[in-house]
């Protein structure tokens, strides 16, 4: 399953590294926009949320949804476009 992960980190000066490591640890990933990732993962959306909660602050917003074709985008790198074409 391909999931879209979006987030708002709301604490000033918050370090994104823990969250990035947690997302990358889920499986095959793509980071097309500042606060948006796609990941191919066998977990449920709830399980992904629970894993990411430990890498974020209680004030942060996290949204996990399924992603699939058809999809459209503009202004993304060729690498990201290839990933999306191959995985959605």
N, C-alpha and C. Protein backbone atom coordinates (compact mmCIF):
# COMPACT_ATOMS: atom_id res chain seq x y z
N UNK A 1 0.85 -1.17 0.00
CA UNK A 1 0.00 0.00 0.00
C UNK A 1 0.90 1.24 0.00
N UNK A 2 0.49 2.26 -0.73
CA UNK A 2 1.21 3.53 -0.73
C UNK A 2 0.42 4.52 0.13
N UNK A 3 1.12 5.15 1.04
CA UNK A 3 0.52 6.15 1.92
C UNK A 3 1.14 7.51 1.67
N UNK A 4 0.33 8.53 1.82
CA UNK A 4 0.79 9.91 1.85
C UNK A 4 0.87 10.33 3.31
N UNK A 5 1.99 10.91 3.69
CA UNK A 5 2.18 11.39 5.05
C UNK A 5 2.43 12.89 4.99
N UNK A 6 1.59 13.65 5.66
CA UNK A 6 1.74 15.10 5.75
C UNK A 6 1.78 15.49 7.21
N UNK A 7 2.48 16.57 7.51
CA UNK A 7 2.60 16.97 8.91
C UNK A 7 2.84 18.46 9.03
N UNK A 8 2.50 18.98 10.19
CA UNK A 8 2.85 20.32 10.64
C UNK A 8 3.53 20.15 11.99
N UNK A 9 4.80 20.53 12.06
CA UNK A 9 5.50 20.52 13.34
C UNK A 9 5.36 21.92 13.93
N UNK A 10 4.73 21.99 15.08
CA UNK A 10 4.28 23.28 15.61
C UNK A 10 5.15 23.88 16.71
N UNK A 11 6.12 23.15 17.20
CA UNK A 11 6.96 23.68 18.28
C UNK A 11 8.14 24.42 17.65
N UNK A 12 8.37 25.68 18.01
CA UNK A 12 9.50 26.43 17.43
C UNK A 12 10.83 25.72 17.66
N UNK A 13 11.65 25.69 16.62
CA UNK A 13 12.97 25.09 16.71
C UNK A 13 12.97 23.58 16.72
N UNK A 14 11.85 22.98 16.41
CA UNK A 14 11.74 21.52 16.45
C UNK A 14 12.64 20.87 15.41
N UNK A 15 13.27 19.79 15.78
CA UNK A 15 14.17 19.04 14.92
C UNK A 15 13.38 18.00 14.13
N UNK A 16 13.53 18.02 12.82
CA UNK A 16 12.81 17.10 11.97
C UNK A 16 13.51 15.74 11.84
N UNK A 17 14.74 15.63 12.27
CA UNK A 17 15.53 14.42 12.03
C UNK A 17 14.88 13.14 12.54
N UNK A 18 14.33 13.16 13.74
CA UNK A 18 13.69 11.96 14.29
C UNK A 18 12.49 11.55 13.44
N UNK A 19 11.70 12.52 13.02
CA UNK A 19 10.55 12.22 12.18
C UNK A 19 11.00 11.68 10.83
N UNK A 20 12.01 12.30 10.23
CA UNK A 20 12.53 11.82 8.94
C UNK A 20 13.03 10.38 9.05
N UNK A 21 13.76 10.08 10.10
CA UNK A 21 14.26 8.71 10.29
C UNK A 21 13.09 7.73 10.46
N UNK A 22 12.07 8.13 11.19
CA UNK A 22 10.92 7.25 11.40
C UNK A 22 10.19 6.99 10.08
N UNK A 23 10.02 8.02 9.27
CA UNK A 23 9.35 7.84 7.98
C UNK A 23 10.19 6.95 7.07
N UNK A 24 11.47 7.24 6.96
CA UNK A 24 12.35 6.45 6.09
C UNK A 24 12.40 4.99 6.53
N UNK A 25 12.22 4.74 7.80
CA UNK A 25 12.25 3.37 8.32
C UNK A 25 11.01 2.56 7.99
N UNK A 26 9.99 3.21 7.45
CA UNK A 26 8.74 2.50 7.12
C UNK A 26 8.85 1.68 5.84
N UNK A 27 9.71 2.07 4.91
CA UNK A 27 9.82 1.35 3.65
C UNK A 27 10.28 2.27 2.53
N UNK A 28 9.99 1.89 1.30
CA UNK A 28 10.34 2.64 0.11
C UNK A 28 9.65 4.00 0.17
N UNK A 29 10.40 5.09 0.14
CA UNK A 29 9.84 6.41 0.39
C UNK A 29 10.22 7.42 -0.68
N UNK A 30 9.44 8.49 -0.70
CA UNK A 30 9.67 9.63 -1.59
C UNK A 30 9.29 10.88 -0.81
N UNK A 31 10.08 11.95 -0.92
CA UNK A 31 9.84 13.20 -0.19
C UNK A 31 9.68 14.33 -1.21
N UNK A 32 8.47 14.47 -1.80
CA UNK A 32 8.30 15.42 -2.90
C UNK A 32 8.15 16.88 -2.50
N UNK A 33 7.62 17.15 -1.30
CA UNK A 33 7.38 18.51 -0.84
C UNK A 33 7.82 18.62 0.62
N UNK A 34 8.02 19.85 1.09
CA UNK A 34 8.59 20.06 2.42
C UNK A 34 7.94 19.23 3.53
N UNK A 35 6.63 19.18 3.57
CA UNK A 35 5.94 18.48 4.66
C UNK A 35 5.10 17.31 4.16
N UNK A 36 5.50 16.74 3.02
CA UNK A 36 4.76 15.62 2.43
C UNK A 36 5.73 14.52 2.02
N UNK A 37 5.38 13.31 2.38
CA UNK A 37 6.13 12.13 1.98
C UNK A 37 5.15 11.10 1.42
N UNK A 38 5.66 10.20 0.60
CA UNK A 38 4.94 8.99 0.20
C UNK A 38 5.78 7.82 0.65
N UNK A 39 5.13 6.76 1.10
CA UNK A 39 5.85 5.57 1.54
C UNK A 39 5.06 4.33 1.14
N UNK A 40 5.79 3.32 0.67
CA UNK A 40 5.19 2.01 0.39
C UNK A 40 5.41 1.19 1.65
N UNK A 41 4.30 0.71 2.25
CA UNK A 41 4.38 0.09 3.56
C UNK A 41 3.24 -0.91 3.75
N UNK A 42 3.49 -1.97 4.48
CA UNK A 42 2.46 -2.97 4.76
C UNK A 42 1.70 -2.71 6.05
N UNK A 43 2.05 -1.64 6.76
CA UNK A 43 1.34 -1.29 7.98
C UNK A 43 0.02 -0.60 7.65
N UNK A 44 -0.85 -0.49 8.63
CA UNK A 44 -2.07 0.29 8.46
C UNK A 44 -1.76 1.77 8.72
N UNK A 45 -2.67 2.64 8.32
CA UNK A 45 -2.50 4.06 8.57
C UNK A 45 -2.40 4.32 10.08
N UNK A 46 -3.17 3.62 10.87
CA UNK A 46 -3.13 3.78 12.33
C UNK A 46 -1.78 3.37 12.89
N UNK A 47 -1.23 2.26 12.40
CA UNK A 47 0.09 1.81 12.86
C UNK A 47 1.18 2.81 12.48
N UNK A 48 1.08 3.37 11.28
CA UNK A 48 2.06 4.38 10.86
C UNK A 48 1.95 5.60 11.77
N UNK A 49 0.73 6.07 12.00
CA UNK A 49 0.53 7.21 12.90
C UNK A 49 1.15 6.97 14.26
N UNK A 50 0.92 5.80 14.81
CA UNK A 50 1.44 5.48 16.13
C UNK A 50 2.97 5.48 16.15
N UNK A 51 3.59 5.01 15.09
CA UNK A 51 5.06 5.04 15.02
C UNK A 51 5.58 6.46 14.92
N UNK A 52 4.90 7.29 14.16
CA UNK A 52 5.36 8.66 13.96
C UNK A 52 5.08 9.54 15.16
N UNK A 53 4.08 9.20 15.96
CA UNK A 53 3.78 9.99 17.17
C UNK A 53 4.98 10.02 18.10
N UNK A 54 5.73 8.94 18.17
CA UNK A 54 6.87 8.90 19.08
C UNK A 54 8.03 9.77 18.58
N UNK A 55 7.99 10.15 17.30
CA UNK A 55 9.05 11.00 16.73
C UNK A 55 8.58 12.44 16.57
N UNK A 56 7.44 12.77 17.15
CA UNK A 56 6.90 14.11 17.03
C UNK A 56 6.43 14.59 18.39
N UNK A 57 5.98 15.83 18.44
CA UNK A 57 5.52 16.46 19.66
C UNK A 57 4.00 16.39 19.73
N UNK A 58 3.42 16.44 20.92
CA UNK A 58 1.97 16.35 21.06
C UNK A 58 1.24 17.51 20.37
N UNK A 59 1.93 18.60 20.08
CA UNK A 59 1.30 19.74 19.41
C UNK A 59 1.31 19.61 17.89
N UNK A 60 2.00 18.61 17.36
CA UNK A 60 2.15 18.45 15.92
C UNK A 60 0.92 17.81 15.29
N UNK A 61 0.68 18.15 14.04
CA UNK A 61 -0.38 17.51 13.27
C UNK A 61 0.23 16.52 12.29
N UNK A 62 -0.34 15.32 12.22
CA UNK A 62 0.11 14.29 11.28
C UNK A 62 -1.12 13.74 10.58
N UNK A 63 -1.04 13.61 9.25
CA UNK A 63 -2.12 13.07 8.46
C UNK A 63 -1.58 11.96 7.56
N UNK A 64 -2.15 10.76 7.68
CA UNK A 64 -1.76 9.62 6.85
C UNK A 64 -2.97 9.20 6.05
N UNK A 65 -2.83 9.17 4.73
CA UNK A 65 -3.90 8.73 3.85
C UNK A 65 -3.33 7.78 2.81
N UNK A 66 -4.18 6.97 2.21
CA UNK A 66 -3.72 6.12 1.12
C UNK A 66 -3.56 6.98 -0.14
N UNK A 67 -2.66 6.55 -1.01
CA UNK A 67 -2.41 7.27 -2.25
C UNK A 67 -2.39 6.26 -3.40
N UNK A 68 -3.00 6.64 -4.50
CA UNK A 68 -3.01 5.75 -5.67
C UNK A 68 -3.26 6.57 -6.93
N UNK A 69 -3.02 5.95 -8.07
CA UNK A 69 -3.30 6.57 -9.35
C UNK A 69 -4.81 6.55 -9.56
N UNK A 70 -5.36 7.48 -10.30
CA UNK A 70 -4.65 8.54 -11.01
C UNK A 70 -4.22 9.65 -10.07
N UNK A 71 -3.13 10.28 -10.44
CA UNK A 71 -2.61 11.41 -9.68
C UNK A 71 -1.99 12.39 -10.67
N UNK A 72 -1.82 13.61 -10.25
CA UNK A 72 -1.21 14.62 -11.11
C UNK A 72 -0.30 15.50 -10.27
N UNK A 73 0.75 16.02 -10.89
CA UNK A 73 1.69 16.89 -10.19
C UNK A 73 2.38 17.78 -11.20
N UNK A 74 3.06 18.79 -10.68
CA UNK A 74 3.80 19.72 -11.52
C UNK A 74 4.96 20.29 -10.71
N UNK A 75 6.05 20.55 -11.38
CA UNK A 75 7.18 21.21 -10.74
C UNK A 75 8.00 20.33 -9.82
N UNK A 76 7.84 19.01 -9.91
CA UNK A 76 8.63 18.09 -9.09
C UNK A 76 9.80 17.57 -9.92
N UNK A 77 10.83 17.12 -9.24
CA UNK A 77 12.01 16.61 -9.94
C UNK A 77 11.69 15.36 -10.74
N UNK A 78 12.57 15.04 -11.68
CA UNK A 78 12.39 13.83 -12.47
C UNK A 78 12.44 12.60 -11.58
N UNK A 79 13.31 12.62 -10.58
CA UNK A 79 13.42 11.49 -9.64
C UNK A 79 12.10 11.25 -8.90
N UNK A 80 11.50 12.33 -8.42
CA UNK A 80 10.21 12.22 -7.73
C UNK A 80 9.13 11.76 -8.70
N UNK A 81 9.09 12.34 -9.89
CA UNK A 81 8.10 11.94 -10.89
C UNK A 81 8.23 10.46 -11.23
N UNK A 82 9.46 9.99 -11.38
CA UNK A 82 9.67 8.57 -11.66
C UNK A 82 9.17 7.70 -10.52
N UNK A 83 9.45 8.10 -9.28
CA UNK A 83 9.01 7.34 -8.11
C UNK A 83 7.48 7.27 -8.10
N UNK A 84 6.83 8.38 -8.30
CA UNK A 84 5.38 8.42 -8.30
C UNK A 84 4.81 7.56 -9.42
N UNK A 85 5.35 7.67 -10.61
CA UNK A 85 4.89 6.86 -11.73
C UNK A 85 5.07 5.37 -11.47
N UNK A 86 6.14 5.00 -10.79
CA UNK A 86 6.44 3.59 -10.54
C UNK A 86 5.70 3.00 -9.34
N UNK A 87 5.21 3.85 -8.44
CA UNK A 87 4.64 3.33 -7.20
C UNK A 87 3.16 3.61 -6.98
N UNK A 88 2.61 4.59 -7.68
CA UNK A 88 1.18 4.87 -7.50
C UNK A 88 0.35 4.03 -8.44
